[in-house]
Amino acid sequence: QVQLVESGGGLVQAGGSLTLSCAVSGNVFGIRAMAWYRQAPGKQRELVASAPTDGSPNYTDSVKGRFTISRDNPKNTGSLQMNSLKPEDTGVYYCNVVGRQVFKGIQNWWGQGTQVTVSS
């Protein structure tokens, strides 16, 4: 089995910072990519940031210069550092991982989500 757990969400004031963490455990042979998505109330889930194994991280325009995605491959963990938060950043944030599971090949895993609320 593979388990993916997110943490770090909470309530912050506009202009503040918050760091989200994503940890993968279980029968994982290797991680290929990690990404963060978010979903605001009544809106579609959108890609916020992605970090492939090979290549530079990518960010949606609305968070460029404010968010930073990082990975620690040996530990199968990652994080999303969020600075200068705005009320429009409010939503449920999900970690998504593409990796190889033992005996099953390439898999796509989603976390349960963590709530981020930015007050004005």
C-alpha atoms as a PDB file:
ATOM      1  CA  GLN A   1       0.000   0.000   0.000  1.00  0.00           C
ATOM      2  CA  VAL A   2       0.967   3.638  -0.501  1.00  0.00           C
ATOM      3  CA  GLN A   3       0.060   6.438   1.862  1.00  0.00           C
ATOM      4  CA  LEU A   4       0.251  10.156   1.136  1.00  0.00           C
ATOM      5  CA  VAL A   5      -0.261  12.668   3.940  1.00  0.00           C
ATOM      6  CA  GLU A   6      -0.435  16.459   3.750  1.00  0.00           C
ATOM      7  CA  SER A   7      -0.020  18.819   6.666  1.00  0.00           C
ATOM      8  CA  GLY A   8       0.556  22.469   7.469  1.00  0.00           C
ATOM      9  CA  GLY A   9      -2.743  24.068   6.548  1.00  0.00           C
ATOM     10  CA  GLY A  10      -4.412  26.623   8.744  1.00  0.00           C
ATOM     11  CA  LEU A  11      -5.716  30.149   9.122  1.00  0.00           C
ATOM     12  CA  VAL A  12      -3.412  33.077   8.402  1.00  0.00           C
ATOM     13  CA  GLN A  13      -3.781  36.786   7.791  1.00  0.00           C
ATOM     14  CA  ALA A  14      -3.136  38.352   4.408  1.00  0.00           C
ATOM     15  CA  GLY A  15       0.566  38.929   3.889  1.00  0.00           C
ATOM     16  CA  GLY A  16       1.522  36.018   6.100  1.00  0.00           C
ATOM     17  CA  SER A  17       3.304  32.795   5.279  1.00  0.00           C
ATOM     18  CA  LEU A  18       2.497  29.117   5.506  1.00  0.00           C
ATOM     19  CA  THR A  19       4.335  25.921   4.599  1.00  0.00           C
ATOM     20  CA  LEU A  20       2.556  22.776   3.448  1.00  0.00           C
ATOM     21  CA  SER A  21       4.226  19.371   3.645  1.00  0.00           C
ATOM     22  CA  CYS A  22       3.624  16.163   1.731  1.00  0.00           C
ATOM     23  CA  ALA A  23       4.947  12.781   2.822  1.00  0.00           C
ATOM     24  CA  VAL A  24       4.720   9.532   0.859  1.00  0.00           C
ATOM     25  CA  SER A  25       5.242   6.141   2.454  1.00  0.00           C
ATOM     26  CA  GLY A  26       4.650   2.493   1.647  1.00  0.00           C
ATOM     27  CA  ASN A  27       5.686   0.266  -1.232  1.00  0.00           C
ATOM     28  CA  VAL A  28       7.169   3.054  -3.324  1.00  0.00           C
ATOM     29  CA  PHE A  29      10.038   2.257  -5.636  1.00  0.00           C
ATOM     30  CA  GLY A  30      10.623   5.829  -6.738  1.00  0.00           C
ATOM     31  CA  ILE A  31       8.994   9.223  -7.081  1.00  0.00           C
ATOM     32  CA  ARG A  32       8.742  10.705 -10.575  1.00  0.00           C
ATOM     33  CA  ALA A  33       6.964  13.983  -9.924  1.00  0.00           C
ATOM     34  CA  MET A  34       5.210  15.955  -7.226  1.00  0.00           C
ATOM     35  CA  ALA A  35       2.630  18.686  -7.643  1.00  0.00           C
ATOM     36  CA  TRP A  36       0.293  20.823  -5.592  1.00  0.00           C
ATOM     37  CA  TYR A  37      -3.289  21.607  -6.556  1.00  0.00           C
ATOM     38  CA  ARG A  38      -5.896  23.739  -4.865  1.00  0.00           C
ATOM     39  CA  GLN A  39      -9.644  24.023  -5.026  1.00  0.00           C
ATOM     40  CA  ALA A  40     -11.554  27.091  -3.919  1.00  0.00           C
ATOM     41  CA  PRO A  41     -15.241  26.847  -2.980  1.00  0.00           C
ATOM     42  CA  GLY A  42     -17.350  26.532  -6.110  1.00  0.00           C
ATOM     43  CA  LYS A  43     -14.296  26.410  -8.354  1.00  0.00           C
ATOM     44  CA  GLN A  44     -12.467  23.729 -10.317  1.00  0.00           C
ATOM     45  CA  ARG A  45      -9.306  22.224  -8.951  1.00  0.00           C
ATOM     46  CA  GLU A  46      -6.278  23.997 -10.404  1.00  0.00           C
ATOM     47  CA  LEU A  47      -2.599  23.195 -10.636  1.00  0.00           C
ATOM     48  CA  VAL A  48      -0.541  25.480  -8.406  1.00  0.00           C
ATOM     49  CA  ALA A  49       2.994  24.139  -8.689  1.00  0.00           C
ATOM     50  CA  SER A  50       4.781  21.073 -10.004  1.00  0.00           C
ATOM     51  CA  ALA A  51       8.242  19.605  -9.541  1.00  0.00           C
ATOM     52  CA  PRO A  52       9.259  16.885 -11.992  1.00  0.00           C
ATOM     53  CA  THR A  53      12.318  14.739 -11.325  1.00  0.00           C
ATOM     54  CA  ASP A  54      14.098  16.252 -14.301  1.00  0.00           C
ATOM     55  CA  GLY A  55      13.452  19.869 -15.119  1.00  0.00           C
ATOM     56  CA  SER A  56      12.612  23.141 -13.428  1.00  0.00           C
ATOM     57  CA  PRO A  57       9.590  23.681 -11.189  1.00  0.00           C
ATOM     58  CA  ASN A  58       6.502  25.221 -12.740  1.00  0.00           C
ATOM     59  CA  TYR A  59       4.028  27.629 -11.187  1.00  0.00           C
ATOM     60  CA  THR A  60       0.706  29.044 -12.145  1.00  0.00           C
ATOM     61  CA  ASP A  61       0.920  32.765 -12.879  1.00  0.00           C
ATOM     62  CA  SER A  62      -1.030  33.834  -9.817  1.00  0.00           C
ATOM     63  CA  VAL A  63       1.556  32.414  -7.386  1.00  0.00           C
ATOM     64  CA  LYS A  64       4.824  33.104  -9.201  1.00  0.00           C
ATOM     65  CA  GLY A  65       7.272  34.906  -6.958  1.00  0.00           C
ATOM     66  CA  ARG A  66       5.309  34.004  -3.835  1.00  0.00           C
ATOM     67  CA  PHE A  67       5.223  30.185  -3.697  1.00  0.00           C
ATOM     68  CA  THR A  68       8.130  27.752  -3.807  1.00  0.00           C
ATOM     69  CA  ILE A  69       7.857  24.004  -4.325  1.00  0.00           C
ATOM     70  CA  SER A  70      10.629  21.715  -3.134  1.00  0.00           C
ATOM     71  CA  ARG A  71      11.368  18.013  -2.807  1.00  0.00           C
ATOM     72  CA  ASP A  72      13.531  15.717  -0.728  1.00  0.00           C
ATOM     73  CA  ASN A  73      13.681  12.635  -2.925  1.00  0.00           C
ATOM     74  CA  PRO A  74      15.492  10.259  -0.529  1.00  0.00           C
ATOM     75  CA  LYS A  75      12.799  10.887   2.084  1.00  0.00           C
ATOM     76  CA  ASN A  76       9.893  10.905  -0.408  1.00  0.00           C
ATOM     77  CA  THR A  77       8.698  14.218   0.970  1.00  0.00           C
ATOM     78  CA  GLY A  78       8.010  17.647  -0.423  1.00  0.00           C
ATOM     79  CA  SER A  79       6.756  21.041   0.599  1.00  0.00           C
ATOM     80  CA  LEU A  80       5.079  24.160  -0.683  1.00  0.00           C
ATOM     81  CA  GLN A  81       6.305  27.393   0.873  1.00  0.00           C
ATOM     82  CA  MET A  82       3.681  30.109   0.538  1.00  0.00           C
ATOM     83  CA  ASN A  83       4.580  33.735   1.189  1.00  0.00           C
ATOM     84  CA  SER A  84       2.672  37.002   0.874  1.00  0.00           C
ATOM     85  CA  LEU A  85      -0.591  35.125   1.074  1.00  0.00           C
ATOM     86  CA  LYS A  86      -3.738  36.701  -0.312  1.00  0.00           C
ATOM     87  CA  PRO A  87      -7.405  35.974   0.413  1.00  0.00           C
ATOM     88  CA  GLU A  88      -7.746  34.535  -3.091  1.00  0.00           C
ATOM     89  CA  ASP A  89      -5.248  31.829  -2.108  1.00  0.00           C
ATOM     90  CA  THR A  90      -7.899  30.338   0.160  1.00  0.00           C
ATOM     91  CA  GLY A  91      -8.854  26.773  -0.657  1.00  0.00           C
ATOM     92  CA  VAL A  92      -8.154  23.126  -0.065  1.00  0.00           C
ATOM     93  CA  TYR A  93      -4.642  22.213  -1.140  1.00  0.00           C
ATOM     94  CA  TYR A  94      -3.849  18.730  -2.426  1.00  0.00           C
ATOM     95  CA  CYS A  95      -0.541  17.015  -2.963  1.00  0.00           C
ATOM     96  CA  ASN A  96      -0.298  14.827  -6.057  1.00  0.00           C
ATOM     97  CA  VAL A  97       2.525  12.373  -6.660  1.00  0.00           C
ATOM     98  CA  VAL A  98       3.464  10.268  -9.662  1.00  0.00           C
ATOM     99  CA  GLY A  99       5.725   7.365  -8.828  1.00  0.00           C
ATOM    100  CA  ARG A 100       6.423   3.692  -9.204  1.00  0.00           C
ATOM    101  CA  GLN A 101       4.768   1.269  -6.820  1.00  0.00           C
ATOM    102  CA  VAL A 102       6.351  -2.110  -6.197  1.00  0.00           C
ATOM    103  CA  PHE A 103       4.743  -4.780  -8.435  1.00  0.00           C
ATOM    104  CA  LYS A 104       2.307  -2.259  -9.941  1.00  0.00           C
ATOM    105  CA  GLY A 105       4.359   0.138 -12.033  1.00  0.00           C
ATOM    106  CA  ILE A 106       3.609   3.828 -12.448  1.00  0.00           C
ATOM    107  CA  GLN A 107       0.866   5.154 -10.175  1.00  0.00           C
ATOM    108  CA  ASN A 108      -0.792   8.476  -9.417  1.00  0.00           C
ATOM    109  CA  TRP A 109      -1.579   9.266  -5.763  1.00  0.00           C
ATOM    110  CA  TRP A 110      -3.599  12.043  -4.134  1.00  0.00           C
ATOM    111  CA  GLY A 111      -3.578  13.268  -0.568  1.00  0.00           C
ATOM    112  CA  GLN A 112      -6.689  14.008   1.463  1.00  0.00           C
ATOM    113  CA  GLY A 113      -6.180  17.763   1.247  1.00  0.00           C
ATOM    114  CA  THR A 114      -5.430  20.444   3.796  1.00  0.00           C
ATOM    115  CA  GLN A 115      -7.422  23.640   4.274  1.00  0.00           C
ATOM    116  CA  VAL A 116      -5.729  27.004   3.814  1.00  0.00           C
ATOM    117  CA  THR A 117      -7.701  30.079   4.794  1.00  0.00           C
ATOM    118  CA  VAL A 118      -6.330  33.582   4.318  1.00  0.00           C
ATOM    119  CA  SER A 119      -8.229  36.344   6.067  1.00  0.00           C
ATOM    120  CA  SER A 120      -8.243  39.997   5.069  1.00  0.00           C
END
